[in-house]
Protein backbone atom coordinates (compact mmCIF):
# COMPACT_ATOMS: atom_id res chain seq x y z
CA MET A 1 -69.20 81.72 -20.69
CA SER A 2 -69.05 77.95 -21.01
CA TYR A 3 -71.77 75.51 -20.42
CA ASN A 4 -71.37 71.88 -18.97
CA ILE A 5 -73.02 68.87 -20.63
CA THR A 6 -75.05 67.01 -18.02
CA LEU A 7 -75.79 63.48 -18.34
CA SER A 8 -78.80 61.87 -16.94
CA SER A 9 -78.60 59.64 -14.08
CA SER A 10 -79.44 56.44 -16.05
CA MET A 11 -76.87 57.40 -18.67
CA ARG A 12 -74.05 58.02 -16.15
CA SER A 13 -74.93 54.73 -14.47
CA ASN A 14 -74.62 52.68 -17.72
CA LEU A 15 -71.41 54.49 -18.44
CA LEU A 16 -69.95 53.48 -15.08
CA SER A 17 -70.94 49.91 -15.80
CA LEU A 18 -69.28 49.91 -19.02
CA ARG A 19 -65.94 51.01 -17.49
CA ASN A 20 -66.14 48.48 -14.87
CA ILE A 21 -66.89 45.81 -17.47
CA ALA A 22 -63.95 46.96 -19.71
CA THR A 23 -61.59 46.87 -16.60
CA GLN A 24 -62.62 43.29 -15.77
CA MET A 25 -62.45 42.14 -19.40
CA SER A 26 -58.68 43.70 -19.46
CA LYS A 27 -57.65 41.68 -16.49
CA THR A 28 -59.62 38.43 -17.82
CA GLN A 29 -57.75 38.98 -21.14
CA ASN A 30 -54.22 39.01 -19.38
CA ILE A 31 -55.10 36.05 -17.32
CA LEU A 32 -56.13 34.22 -20.58
CA SER A 33 -52.71 35.10 -22.23
CA THR A 34 -50.41 34.24 -19.36
CA GLY A 35 -52.36 31.29 -17.92
CA LYS A 36 -51.75 32.75 -14.45
CA LYS A 37 -54.26 34.39 -12.04
CA VAL A 38 -51.44 35.73 -10.03
CA ASN A 39 -48.65 37.48 -12.29
CA ASN A 40 -47.33 39.99 -9.51
CA ALA A 41 -47.58 41.02 -5.87
CA ILE A 42 -50.64 43.30 -6.88
CA ASP A 43 -52.59 40.44 -7.89
CA ASN A 44 -52.27 38.50 -4.57
CA ALA A 45 -49.02 39.23 -2.55
CA SER A 46 -49.56 36.23 -0.19
CA SER A 47 -49.84 33.72 -3.04
CA TYR A 48 -47.27 35.45 -5.27
CA TYR A 49 -44.20 35.18 -2.82
CA GLN A 50 -45.27 31.95 -1.57
CA ALA A 51 -45.23 30.44 -5.13
CA ARG A 52 -41.95 32.31 -5.80
CA SER A 53 -40.26 30.78 -2.82
CA LEU A 54 -41.52 27.31 -4.05
CA THR A 55 -40.12 27.90 -7.45
CA HIS A 56 -36.83 29.02 -6.10
CA ARG A 57 -36.24 25.68 -4.25
CA ALA A 58 -37.44 23.80 -7.16
CA ALA A 59 -34.62 25.60 -9.13
CA ASP A 60 -31.93 24.87 -6.55
CA LEU A 61 -32.89 21.38 -6.14
CA ASN A 62 -32.62 21.14 -10.02
CA SER A 63 -29.04 22.25 -9.97
CA LEU A 64 -28.18 19.66 -7.26
CA LEU A 65 -29.54 16.91 -9.72
CA ASP A 66 -26.62 17.49 -11.97
CA SER A 67 -24.06 17.05 -9.18
CA MET A 68 -25.74 13.86 -8.25
CA SER A 69 -25.75 12.64 -11.77
CA GLN A 70 -21.97 13.38 -12.07
CA GLY A 71 -21.39 11.78 -8.55
CA ILE A 72 -23.10 8.61 -9.86
CA GLN A 73 -20.76 8.49 -13.01
CA THR A 74 -17.90 8.94 -10.50
CA ILE A 75 -19.07 5.83 -8.57
CA LYS A 76 -19.80 3.88 -11.85
CA ALA A 77 -16.27 4.45 -12.96
CA ALA A 78 -14.95 3.07 -9.79
CA VAL A 79 -17.23 0.12 -9.90
CA GLU A 80 -16.20 -0.73 -13.48
CA GLY A 81 -12.57 -0.56 -12.49
CA LEU A 82 -13.28 -2.91 -9.67
CA GLU A 83 -14.95 -5.40 -11.94
CA ARG A 84 -11.97 -5.44 -14.09
CA TYR A 85 -9.57 -5.49 -11.10
CA ASP A 86 -11.32 -8.77 -9.98
CA LYS A 87 -10.54 -10.31 -13.37
CA PHE A 88 -6.98 -9.36 -13.21
CA LEU A 89 -6.76 -11.02 -9.70
CA GLU A 90 -8.37 -14.15 -11.02
CA GLN A 91 -5.88 -14.37 -13.88
CA ALA A 92 -3.08 -13.78 -11.43
CA THR A 93 -4.40 -16.31 -9.12
CA ILE A 94 -4.34 -19.08 -11.95
CA ILE A 95 -0.55 -18.35 -12.68
CA ALA A 96 0.28 -18.33 -8.92
CA GLU A 97 -1.60 -21.71 -8.38
CA GLU A 98 0.28 -23.25 -11.58
CA SER A 99 3.61 -22.10 -10.18
CA TYR A 100 2.56 -23.30 -6.56
CA GLU A 101 2.08 -26.76 -7.98
CA LYS A 102 5.52 -26.91 -9.63
CA ALA A 103 7.32 -25.94 -6.73
CA VAL A 104 6.89 -29.34 -5.07
CA ILE A 105 7.86 -29.72 -1.04
CA PRO A 106 9.49 -33.03 -0.70
CA THR A 107 8.05 -35.53 1.78
CA LYS A 108 9.84 -36.67 4.74
CA GLU A 109 10.30 -40.09 3.10
CA GLU A 110 11.91 -38.50 0.18
CA ILE A 111 14.53 -36.65 2.25
CA LEU A 112 15.26 -39.66 4.59
CA SER A 113 15.84 -41.60 1.29
CA GLN A 114 18.67 -39.25 0.42
CA ILE A 115 20.03 -39.25 3.90
CA GLY A 116 20.37 -42.94 4.41
CA GLU A 117 20.51 -45.08 7.44
CA ASN A 118 22.92 -42.77 9.37
CA GLY A 119 20.62 -39.74 9.12
CA ALA A 120 17.34 -38.57 10.75
CA VAL A 121 14.39 -36.17 9.63
CA VAL A 122 12.96 -34.48 12.81
CA SER A 123 9.90 -32.31 13.25
CA THR A 124 9.72 -31.87 17.04
CA ALA A 125 12.38 -30.91 19.54
CA GLN A 126 12.46 -34.42 21.17
CA GLU A 127 13.03 -36.04 17.73
CA LEU A 128 16.13 -33.64 17.35
CA LYS A 129 17.48 -34.37 20.70
CA ASP A 130 17.19 -38.12 20.14
CA ALA A 131 18.80 -37.97 16.75
CA ILE A 132 21.77 -35.97 18.22
CA ALA A 133 22.17 -38.45 21.12
CA SER A 134 22.00 -41.23 18.58
CA ASN A 135 25.01 -39.98 16.62
CA LYS A 136 22.99 -39.44 13.44
CA LYS A 137 25.38 -37.98 11.02
CA THR A 138 22.87 -35.64 8.96
CA ILE A 139 19.91 -34.44 10.76
CA CYS A 140 17.23 -32.54 8.70
CA VAL A 141 14.79 -30.29 10.30
CA TYR A 142 11.50 -30.84 8.57
CA GLY A 143 8.82 -27.94 9.29
CA LYS A 144 8.99 -25.92 12.26
CA ILE A 145 10.46 -26.76 15.81
CA ASP A 146 9.66 -24.57 18.86
CA TYR A 147 12.45 -25.46 21.36
CA PHE A 148 11.43 -23.87 24.70
CA GLU A 149 13.13 -25.96 27.23
CA ASN A 150 15.69 -23.30 27.49
CA GLU A 151 18.30 -26.12 26.53
CA THR A 152 21.40 -25.82 24.23
CA ILE A 153 21.64 -27.96 21.40
CA THR A 154 25.18 -29.45 21.11
CA LEU A 155 26.11 -31.24 18.01
CA LYS A 156 28.62 -33.77 17.91
CA ASN A 157 31.84 -34.44 15.90
CA ASN A 158 31.08 -34.36 12.06
CA GLN A 159 27.29 -33.85 12.45
CA LYS A 160 25.30 -31.90 10.12
CA LEU A 161 22.07 -29.98 11.01
CA VAL A 162 20.46 -28.99 7.71
CA GLY A 163 17.34 -27.85 6.08
CA THR A 164 15.67 -29.23 3.02
CA GLU A 165 17.80 -27.11 0.81
CA TYR A 166 20.79 -29.19 1.68
CA PHE A 167 19.71 -32.27 -0.47
CA THR A 168 20.72 -32.47 -4.07
CA GLY A 169 17.64 -34.41 -5.03
CA TYR A 170 15.51 -31.41 -4.21
CA THR A 171 16.19 -28.24 -6.45
CA GLY A 172 13.41 -26.19 -4.97
CA LYS A 173 14.50 -23.02 -2.90
CA GLU A 174 12.06 -24.09 -0.19
CA ARG A 175 12.84 -22.71 3.35
CA PHE A 176 10.24 -24.27 5.46
CA SER A 177 12.81 -25.67 7.98
CA GLN A 178 12.72 -23.55 11.02
CA LEU A 179 14.09 -23.75 14.62
CA ASN A 180 12.60 -21.25 17.41
CA MET A 181 14.99 -21.23 20.23
CA THR A 182 15.53 -19.50 23.65
CA ALA A 183 19.14 -20.93 24.15
CA PRO A 184 22.08 -20.89 21.72
CA LEU A 185 22.68 -23.88 19.11
CA ILE A 186 26.32 -24.79 19.24
CA SER A 187 28.75 -27.64 18.48
CA ALA A 188 30.97 -29.56 20.86
CA SER A 189 34.49 -28.80 21.65
CA LYS A 190 36.84 -29.47 18.67
CA ALA A 191 34.02 -30.63 16.47
CA LYS A 192 33.66 -30.45 12.67
CA VAL A 193 30.08 -29.64 12.09
CA GLU A 194 27.90 -28.25 9.48
CA ILE A 195 24.84 -26.08 9.87
CA SER A 196 22.84 -25.08 6.62
CA ASP A 197 19.59 -24.20 5.08
CA LEU A 198 17.78 -23.11 8.05
CA ASP A 199 15.76 -20.46 9.51
CA LEU A 200 16.70 -19.80 13.15
CA ASP A 201 14.90 -17.61 15.25
CA PHE A 202 15.99 -16.96 18.98
CA ASN A 203 16.01 -14.84 22.02
CA THR A 204 18.54 -14.63 24.73
CA THR A 205 19.42 -12.87 27.99
CA GLU A 206 22.50 -14.70 29.07
CA SER A 207 24.34 -16.38 25.97
CA ALA A 208 27.33 -14.73 24.53
CA TYR A 209 26.54 -16.39 20.94
CA PHE A 210 24.11 -18.14 19.36
CA ILE A 211 26.01 -20.49 16.94
CA GLY A 212 29.24 -21.29 18.44
CA ASN A 213 32.00 -23.88 17.74
CA ASN A 214 35.39 -24.81 18.84
CA GLY A 215 36.73 -26.43 15.75
CA ASN A 216 35.96 -26.22 12.05
CA MET A 217 32.49 -25.06 11.04
CA ASN A 218 30.73 -24.78 7.72
CA ILE A 219 27.69 -22.61 7.57
CA GLY A 220 25.44 -21.88 4.52
CA ASN A 221 21.95 -20.66 3.65
CA ILE A 222 21.15 -19.37 7.18
CA SER A 223 18.59 -16.86 8.19
CA LEU A 224 19.29 -15.86 12.01
CA ASN A 225 16.97 -13.54 13.60
CA GLY A 226 17.73 -12.60 17.24
CA TYR A 227 16.13 -10.78 20.14
CA ILE A 228 18.88 -9.75 22.48
CA VAL A 229 18.60 -8.41 25.99
CA ARG A 230 21.94 -9.54 27.08
CA LYS A 231 24.54 -7.27 28.52
CA GLY A 232 28.23 -7.68 27.78
CA THR A 233 29.47 -9.20 24.51
CA PHE A 234 27.36 -11.16 21.94
CA HIS A 235 28.47 -12.81 18.87
CA ALA A 236 25.84 -14.18 16.58
CA ILE A 237 28.07 -16.75 14.93
CA ASP A 238 31.35 -17.47 16.66
CA ASN A 239 33.91 -20.22 15.90
CA ARG A 240 36.52 -19.81 18.64
CA SER A 241 39.12 -22.16 17.08
CA GLY A 242 39.56 -23.63 13.66
CA ASP A 243 38.39 -22.44 10.17
CA MET A 244 34.99 -21.20 9.19
CA THR A 245 33.48 -21.63 5.60
CA VAL A 246 30.71 -19.41 4.65
CA SER A 247 28.52 -20.09 1.46
CA GLY A 248 25.16 -19.25 0.14
CA LYS A 249 23.06 -16.71 1.75
CA ILE A 250 23.57 -15.64 5.26
CA ASP A 251 21.09 -13.22 7.08
CA ILE A 252 21.84 -11.95 10.60
CA ASN A 253 19.18 -9.56 11.96
CA THR A 254 19.29 -8.61 15.61
CA THR A 255 16.94 -6.33 17.48
CA ASN A 256 16.84 -4.87 20.94
CA ASN A 257 20.61 -4.80 21.39
CA ASN A 258 21.51 -4.26 24.93
CA CYS A 259 25.13 -5.41 24.97
CA SER A 260 28.45 -3.38 25.04
CA TYR A 261 30.03 -5.38 22.06
CA ILE A 262 28.06 -6.97 19.30
CA MET A 263 29.38 -8.93 16.38
CA GLY A 264 27.90 -10.72 13.43
CA LEU A 265 30.58 -13.18 12.15
CA CYS A 266 33.35 -13.96 14.59
CA ASN A 267 36.27 -16.31 13.89
CA SER A 268 39.58 -17.13 15.84
CA GLY A 269 41.00 -19.02 12.88
CA ASN A 270 40.77 -18.47 8.97
CA MET A 271 37.52 -17.57 7.56
CA ASN A 272 36.82 -18.47 3.91
CA ILE A 273 33.68 -16.86 2.36
CA LYS A 274 33.11 -18.67 -0.95
CA GLU A 275 32.32 -16.92 -4.28
CA LYS A 276 28.97 -15.99 -4.99
CA THR A 277 27.98 -15.83 -1.34
CA GLU A 278 25.47 -13.06 -0.11
CA LEU A 279 26.04 -11.88 3.48
CA ASN A 280 23.60 -9.66 5.07
CA ILE A 281 24.31 -8.31 8.75
CA ILE A 282 21.80 -5.86 10.17
CA PHE A 283 22.12 -4.64 13.67
CA GLY A 284 18.78 -3.19 14.93
CA GLU A 285 17.96 -0.67 17.68
CA SER A 286 20.81 -0.11 20.04
CA LEU A 287 19.71 0.51 23.86
CA ILE A 288 23.03 1.47 25.05
CA ASN A 289 26.38 2.84 23.75
CA THR A 290 27.37 -0.21 21.74
CA VAL A 291 30.61 -1.10 19.77
CA GLY A 292 29.53 -3.03 16.80
CA TYR A 293 31.46 -5.20 14.34
CA GLY A 294 30.06 -6.87 11.10
CA ILE A 295 33.07 -9.31 10.73
CA SER A 296 35.68 -10.00 13.31
CA LEU A 297 38.49 -12.26 12.79
CA TYR A 298 42.12 -12.93 14.18
CA ASP A 299 43.56 -14.74 11.07
CA ASN A 300 43.03 -14.58 7.56
CA ILE A 301 39.81 -13.89 5.59
CA ASN A 302 39.14 -14.55 1.86
CA ILE A 303 36.20 -13.23 0.37
CA GLY A 304 35.49 -15.06 -2.86
CA LYS A 305 34.68 -13.59 -6.33
CA ASP A 306 31.23 -12.09 -7.02
CA THR A 307 30.33 -12.00 -3.47
CA VAL A 308 28.08 -9.43 -2.04
CA ILE A 309 28.32 -8.11 1.72
CA ASN A 310 25.87 -5.83 3.12
CA ILE A 311 26.50 -4.56 6.65
CA ASP A 312 24.05 -2.08 8.35
CA PHE A 313 24.24 -0.30 11.74
CA THR A 314 20.75 1.17 11.72
CA SER A 315 20.74 2.80 15.35
CA ASP A 316 22.40 6.12 16.30
CA LYS A 317 23.36 4.82 19.62
CA TYR A 318 26.34 2.84 18.56
CA GLN A 319 29.56 4.24 20.06
CA ASN A 320 31.60 2.71 17.33
CA THR A 321 31.09 0.76 14.47
CA VAL A 322 33.30 -1.31 12.29
CA GLY A 323 32.67 -3.11 9.05
CA VAL A 324 35.56 -5.61 8.86
CA LEU A 325 37.87 -6.13 11.78
CA VAL A 326 41.16 -7.69 10.64
CA SER A 327 43.20 -7.97 13.87
CA SER A 328 46.15 -9.99 12.80
CA GLY A 329 49.14 -9.35 10.90
CA GLU A 330 48.35 -11.89 8.44
CA THR A 331 47.45 -11.19 4.71
CA SER A 332 43.60 -11.40 3.79
CA THR A 333 42.09 -11.26 0.29
CA ILE A 334 39.06 -9.74 -1.22
CA GLU A 335 38.65 -11.07 -4.83
CA THR A 336 37.42 -9.28 -7.97
CA GLU A 337 33.78 -8.48 -8.49
CA THR A 338 33.01 -8.44 -4.74
CA LYS A 339 30.63 -5.66 -3.39
CA ILE A 340 31.02 -4.47 -0.12
CA ASN A 341 28.24 -2.12 1.16
CA ILE A 342 28.64 -0.72 4.66
CA LYS A 343 26.00 1.75 6.34
CA ASN A 344 26.58 3.89 9.50
CA ALA A 345 30.24 2.70 9.98
CA ASN A 346 32.82 4.96 11.05
CA ASN A 347 35.57 2.29 10.30
CA LEU A 348 35.34 0.34 7.32
CA PHE A 349 38.35 -1.76 8.02
CA LEU A 350 40.11 -2.01 11.26
CA GLY A 351 43.13 -3.81 12.82
CA SER A 352 46.86 -4.59 12.26
CA GLY A 353 46.76 -6.89 9.18
CA SER A 354 46.76 -6.05 5.47
CA VAL A 355 44.13 -6.73 2.76
CA GLN A 356 45.00 -7.80 -0.80
CA ILE A 357 42.13 -6.22 -2.95
CA GLU A 358 41.97 -7.30 -6.38
CA LYS A 359 40.84 -4.94 -9.32
CA GLY A 360 37.20 -4.35 -9.79
CA VAL A 361 36.19 -4.55 -6.09
CA GLU A 362 33.34 -2.06 -5.13
CA ILE A 363 33.16 -0.76 -1.78
CA SER A 364 30.47 1.88 -0.53
CA ASN A 365 29.83 3.49 2.87
CA ARG A 366 27.12 5.78 3.95
CA TYR A 367 27.82 7.61 7.18
CA LYS A 368 25.87 10.44 8.61
CA SER A 369 23.75 10.99 5.51
CA THR A 370 27.03 11.09 3.23
CA ASP A 371 27.46 8.50 0.71
CA LYS A 372 31.11 7.48 -0.63
CA SER A 373 31.82 4.75 -3.11
CA TRP A 374 35.01 3.38 -4.66
CA ILE A 375 35.90 0.69 -7.24
CA THR A 376 39.48 -0.46 -7.56
CA SER A 377 41.08 0.07 -10.89
CA GLU A 378 44.05 -2.16 -10.08
CA ASP A 379 45.29 -4.89 -7.55
CA TYR A 380 45.88 -3.00 -4.30
CA THR A 381 47.30 -3.77 -0.86
CA LEU A 382 45.34 -2.09 1.85
CA VAL A 383 47.38 -1.79 5.16
CA VAL A 384 44.81 -1.82 8.10
CA THR A 385 45.58 0.16 11.13
CA GLY A 386 43.87 1.05 14.43
CA SER A 387 43.34 -0.90 17.68
CA TRP A 388 40.41 -3.10 17.80
CA SER A 389 39.74 -2.33 21.53
CA SER A 390 39.92 1.61 20.92
CA PRO A 391 38.27 2.11 17.29
CA THR A 392 38.25 5.79 17.41
CA LYS A 393 39.68 6.81 13.79
CA PRO A 394 37.78 6.07 10.80
CA SER A 395 39.50 4.49 7.86
CA LYS A 396 40.99 7.07 5.28
CA LEU A 397 39.80 4.95 2.44
CA ASP A 398 38.91 7.75 0.23
CA ALA A 399 42.57 9.04 0.63
CA ILE A 400 44.05 6.08 -1.25
CA SER A 401 45.14 7.25 -4.67
CA SER A 402 45.23 3.79 -6.23
CA PHE A 403 41.23 3.75 -5.96
CA GLU A 404 39.17 5.03 -8.74
CA LYS A 405 36.62 7.23 -7.09
CA HIS A 406 32.98 7.35 -8.00
CA HIS A 407 31.20 9.34 -5.32
CA ASP A 408 28.19 9.94 -7.40
CA LYS A 409 27.60 6.27 -7.74
CA LYS A 410 24.86 4.56 -5.87
CA PHE A 411 25.03 0.80 -4.99
CA SER A 412 22.10 -1.38 -4.68
CA PHE A 413 22.16 -5.23 -4.27
CA ASN A 414 18.88 -6.19 -5.42
CA HIS A 415 19.16 -9.98 -6.40
CA ILE A 416 16.56 -11.87 -8.08
CA TYR A 417 16.24 -15.63 -7.15
CA LYS A 418 14.29 -18.34 -8.97
CA ALA A 419 11.52 -20.23 -7.19
CA VAL A 420 12.79 -23.35 -8.49
CA GLU A 421 16.55 -23.72 -9.43
CA ASP A 422 16.99 -23.47 -13.32
CA SER A 423 13.32 -23.60 -14.02
CA VAL A 424 12.73 -21.24 -17.06
CA GLU A 425 8.94 -21.85 -16.88
CA LEU A 426 8.42 -20.63 -13.30
CA VAL A 427 10.62 -17.59 -13.97
CA GLY A 428 8.27 -16.65 -17.07
CA LYS A 429 5.35 -17.21 -14.92
CA LEU A 430 6.51 -14.81 -12.30
CA GLU A 431 7.19 -12.16 -15.23
CA GLN A 432 3.69 -12.61 -16.28
CA TYR A 433 2.45 -12.26 -12.68
CA GLN A 434 4.40 -9.08 -12.27
CA LYS A 435 3.05 -7.60 -15.53
CA ILE A 436 -0.64 -8.38 -14.51
CA LEU A 437 0.13 -6.47 -11.31
CA ASP A 438 1.60 -3.59 -13.32
CA GLN A 439 -1.54 -3.47 -15.62
CA LEU A 440 -3.77 -3.63 -12.32
CA ASP A 441 -2.04 -0.53 -11.07
CA ASP A 442 -2.16 1.08 -14.30
CA MET A 443 -5.96 0.52 -14.47
CA VAL A 444 -6.57 1.97 -10.95
CA GLU A 445 -4.84 5.19 -11.98
CA ASP A 446 -7.12 5.38 -15.09
CA SER A 447 -10.36 4.81 -13.16
CA SER A 448 -10.88 8.39 -12.16
CA TYR A 449 -13.78 10.72 -13.33
CA GLN A 450 -13.41 14.40 -13.32
CA GLY A 451 -10.39 14.19 -11.07
CA ILE A 452 -11.79 11.96 -8.49
CA ASN A 453 -10.57 8.39 -8.24
CA LEU A 454 -12.44 6.34 -5.50
CA LEU A 455 -9.67 3.64 -6.11
CA LYS A 456 -7.02 5.75 -4.83
CA ASP A 457 -8.71 6.59 -1.55
CA ASP A 458 -10.29 10.04 -2.87
CA LYS A 459 -13.43 11.37 -1.19
CA LEU A 460 -16.69 12.11 -2.97
CA ASN A 461 -19.12 14.56 -1.50
CA ILE A 462 -22.80 14.58 -2.69
CA VAL A 463 -25.15 17.41 -1.42
CA PHE A 464 -28.78 16.48 -1.12
CA ASN A 465 -30.60 19.72 -0.18
CA GLU A 466 -30.52 23.40 -1.00
CA ASP A 467 -28.89 24.65 1.97
CA ARG A 468 -26.22 21.77 2.02
CA SER A 469 -27.15 20.74 5.36
CA HIS A 470 -27.70 17.16 4.23
CA ASN A 471 -24.79 15.32 2.42
CA PHE A 472 -23.36 11.81 1.62
CA VAL A 473 -19.63 11.25 1.68
CA ILE A 474 -18.31 8.28 -0.22
CA LYS A 475 -14.90 7.47 1.07
CA GLY A 476 -12.82 5.76 -1.63
CA VAL A 477 -10.57 2.72 -0.93
CA ASP A 478 -6.70 2.47 -2.04
CA MET A 479 -6.70 -0.36 -4.46
CA ARG A 480 -3.21 -0.16 -5.71
CA SER A 481 -1.69 -3.67 -5.49
CA LEU A 482 0.68 -2.76 -2.73
CA SER A 483 -1.94 -1.05 -0.63
CA ALA A 484 -4.46 -3.82 -1.32
CA GLY A 485 -1.81 -6.26 0.53
CA ILE A 486 -0.14 -7.83 -2.58
CA THR A 487 3.40 -7.28 -1.37
CA THR A 488 5.09 -10.60 -2.34
CA ARG A 489 6.80 -9.89 -5.89
CA LYS A 490 9.49 -12.47 -5.87
CA TRP A 491 9.04 -16.21 -5.54
CA GLU A 492 12.13 -17.63 -3.93
CA THR A 493 10.38 -20.29 -1.76
CA LYS A 494 7.28 -22.24 -1.92
CA GLU A 495 6.18 -20.09 1.00
CA ASP A 496 6.56 -16.98 -1.17
CA LEU A 497 4.06 -18.64 -3.60
CA ALA A 498 1.59 -19.48 -0.73
CA ASN A 499 1.91 -15.83 0.47
CA SER A 500 1.07 -14.70 -2.90
CA LEU A 501 -2.06 -16.98 -3.18
CA LYS A 502 -3.13 -15.87 0.27
CA GLU A 503 -2.68 -12.25 -0.52
CA LEU A 504 -4.47 -12.54 -3.79
CA LYS A 505 -7.51 -14.32 -2.24
CA GLU A 506 -7.63 -11.49 0.40
CA ALA A 507 -7.32 -8.88 -2.23
CA ILE A 508 -10.36 -10.52 -4.14
CA SER A 509 -12.42 -10.25 -0.96
CA LYS A 510 -11.44 -6.76 -0.53
CA VAL A 511 -12.16 -5.84 -3.99
CA ARG A 512 -15.67 -7.72 -3.91
CA SER A 513 -16.32 -6.04 -0.59
CA ALA A 514 -15.58 -2.75 -1.95
CA SER A 515 -17.57 -3.19 -4.99
CA ALA A 516 -20.70 -4.15 -2.95
CA GLU A 517 -20.21 -1.15 -0.72
CA LEU A 518 -20.00 1.21 -3.64
CA GLY A 519 -22.96 -0.59 -5.34
CA ASN A 520 -24.94 -0.02 -2.16
CA LYS A 521 -23.82 3.71 -2.08
CA LEU A 522 -24.79 4.15 -5.69
CA SER A 523 -28.34 2.93 -4.96
CA ILE A 524 -28.56 5.22 -2.16
CA ILE A 525 -27.68 8.27 -4.15
CA GLN A 526 -29.99 7.09 -7.19
CA THR A 527 -32.88 6.98 -4.75
CA ARG A 528 -32.14 10.49 -3.51
CA GLN A 529 -31.94 11.52 -7.01
CA THR A 530 -35.31 9.99 -7.92
CA PHE A 531 -36.56 11.64 -4.73
CA THR A 532 -35.12 15.26 -5.40
CA ASP A 533 -36.63 15.01 -8.94
CA ALA A 534 -40.01 14.27 -7.52
CA MET A 535 -39.58 17.11 -4.95
CA CYS A 536 -38.94 19.42 -7.76
CA ASP A 537 -42.20 18.37 -9.45
CA ILE A 538 -44.16 18.61 -6.27
CA LEU A 539 -42.62 22.34 -5.64
CA GLU A 540 -43.61 23.47 -9.15
CA GLU A 541 -46.87 21.99 -9.03
CA GLY A 542 -47.52 23.73 -5.51
CA ALA A 543 -46.49 27.21 -7.17
CA ASP A 544 -48.72 26.54 -10.06
CA LYS A 545 -51.63 26.04 -7.96
CA LEU A 546 -51.12 29.22 -6.18
CA THR A 547 -50.78 31.33 -9.42
CA LEU A 548 -52.16 29.37 -12.25
CA ALA A 549 -55.82 30.10 -13.25
CA ASP A 550 -58.64 27.93 -14.21
CA MET A 551 -58.93 28.56 -17.97
CA ASN A 552 -62.32 27.04 -18.26
CA GLU A 553 -63.60 29.34 -15.62
CA VAL A 554 -61.93 32.44 -16.82
CA SER A 555 -63.14 31.68 -20.61
CA ALA A 556 -66.57 31.61 -19.17
CA GLU A 557 -66.08 34.76 -17.18
CA TYR A 558 -64.90 36.62 -20.35
CA LEU A 559 -67.92 35.38 -22.27
CA VAL A 560 -70.15 36.66 -19.59
CA LEU A 561 -68.20 40.06 -19.56
CA GLN A 562 -68.83 40.17 -23.20
CA THR A 563 -72.66 39.68 -22.92
CA ARG A 564 -72.65 42.17 -19.88
CA GLN A 565 -70.85 44.80 -22.15
CA GLN A 566 -73.21 44.44 -24.86
CA LEU A 567 -76.30 44.66 -22.68
CA ALA A 568 -74.82 47.71 -21.01
CA VAL A 569 -74.36 49.27 -24.49
CA ASN A 570 -78.01 48.47 -25.17
CA SER A 571 -79.11 49.97 -21.84
CA LEU A 572 -76.96 53.26 -22.63
CA SER A 573 -78.77 53.34 -25.96
CA LEU A 574 -82.25 53.09 -24.34
CA ALA A 575 -81.38 55.88 -21.82
CA SER A 576 -80.36 58.06 -24.71
CA GLN A 577 -83.57 57.45 -26.58
CA SER A 578 -85.61 58.95 -23.45
CA SER A 579 -83.82 62.31 -24.36
CA GLY A 580 -84.39 62.06 -28.04
CA SER A 581 -88.19 61.95 -27.28
CA ILE A 582 -87.95 65.65 -26.00
CA LEU A 583 -87.08 66.53 -29.46
CA GLY A 584 -90.45 65.51 -30.90
CA LEU A 585 -92.03 68.34 -28.96
CA PHE A 586 -90.44 70.81 -31.23
CA GLY A 587 -91.29 69.10 -34.37
């Protein structure tokens, strides 16, 4: 039989108060140790989850700060590259300006003093016509003449139409003399004329030739650019009787060919291409099935030593193409060290004559994506066969056993010309200029940061918020020299130097504009970085306000609980004394 101990009502009340105080003290001690009044969802579910959301967002934004910092470094690398780029351009500009000053353009008076009384220096179409009519022997085109009267210029016997390169007193390779014409430039019947050192631009719908003559004709250093919409036959340079002498550099470039037959150089007499001549004939787009001839002649041709001939049929609409047409039974000669490079011709040589080819002549042809090249190992006579009116069979040049074959050899004819003849100083300055551009391109390559190069047109994407809905794309700019517009790499003429100076000026403007734009974008990112950093602080502070406790208040509460605990113990002690007084009755 067991008996339960029964507490008095006052003692049970005091005991319950002690338990409550102990629970509150335990909770207060936990707050004091953590510093937080909300440590889990039990403490306050609303505040707990709201604070956790703010804390997570702050953590996400903190991770984006690292990405922004790396993006800033990428932009700084590009800006640093642009600053050095600007220095390189300034250095290159100084070299180009010094070179430009040395390549002096002669004045009209200086040229006239070399021509003499029987000459004329002309700069307008009317002056040109007046000089021809006045029987001036040597007529120099100074500057640019637009000849739009649709009239033909007809030179008289022994007249010379020249540009500034003709004069021995001027050593610069200056090609600022230019005639823009709508009608052909020809010489009179049976005349002996010379045309040299001119850039000639023309367009024609009717003329069968642009430069024509019925007599002896000398041409040299001519750049001929033609726009042809004529139907029928067209000869760029045609000498119908007498002999033709070719020297210097001859460029023939035609476009929009709408004729059934087109020829570059055509001569009914003998043709003498002097040694060290460079002849470039490019036939552009053909609109119909055209027959094309690079060089066409009826008598002998002599190609001098160390000459370069490039003939290119660029269109696939040519019906038949011939490099050199030899339609006479006479003997022609190609001297040693000559290079003949023909593209897209199904006949290298055609006609009924024979060609004496000396040892050391290089010949190459590219036809239907196939390259073949030969170099003569000994003097050789090539018998040319085939009808000029029906050029259907290609020359079997690769079947000639006397040729030493070099099928794997690639021919290129890249010649370097001096800005001023025999000027070592200018050649040295050009080399310095080119080295600066090379260093500039190398520096652009080295301006990358973590694989992103804003100076090579790469993109940089900076994310500003945690759900990646707000970002900032920085598009780079291609600052490699060619992409920046610095394309003139050879100084053959003063115009080339002027072009270099213009390109450098435009590149400097482009660099400074790009630098300012990157600086502006850098400022934007730095502002967003500062804002994001501040937002992280705001979010963390907001989370703290939801969870952190007021330590002063909690400490005061803990002291009050301690006091209440002591009072409760004393109260319990008093309650127990009332029970002890009963024991005194049994004493």
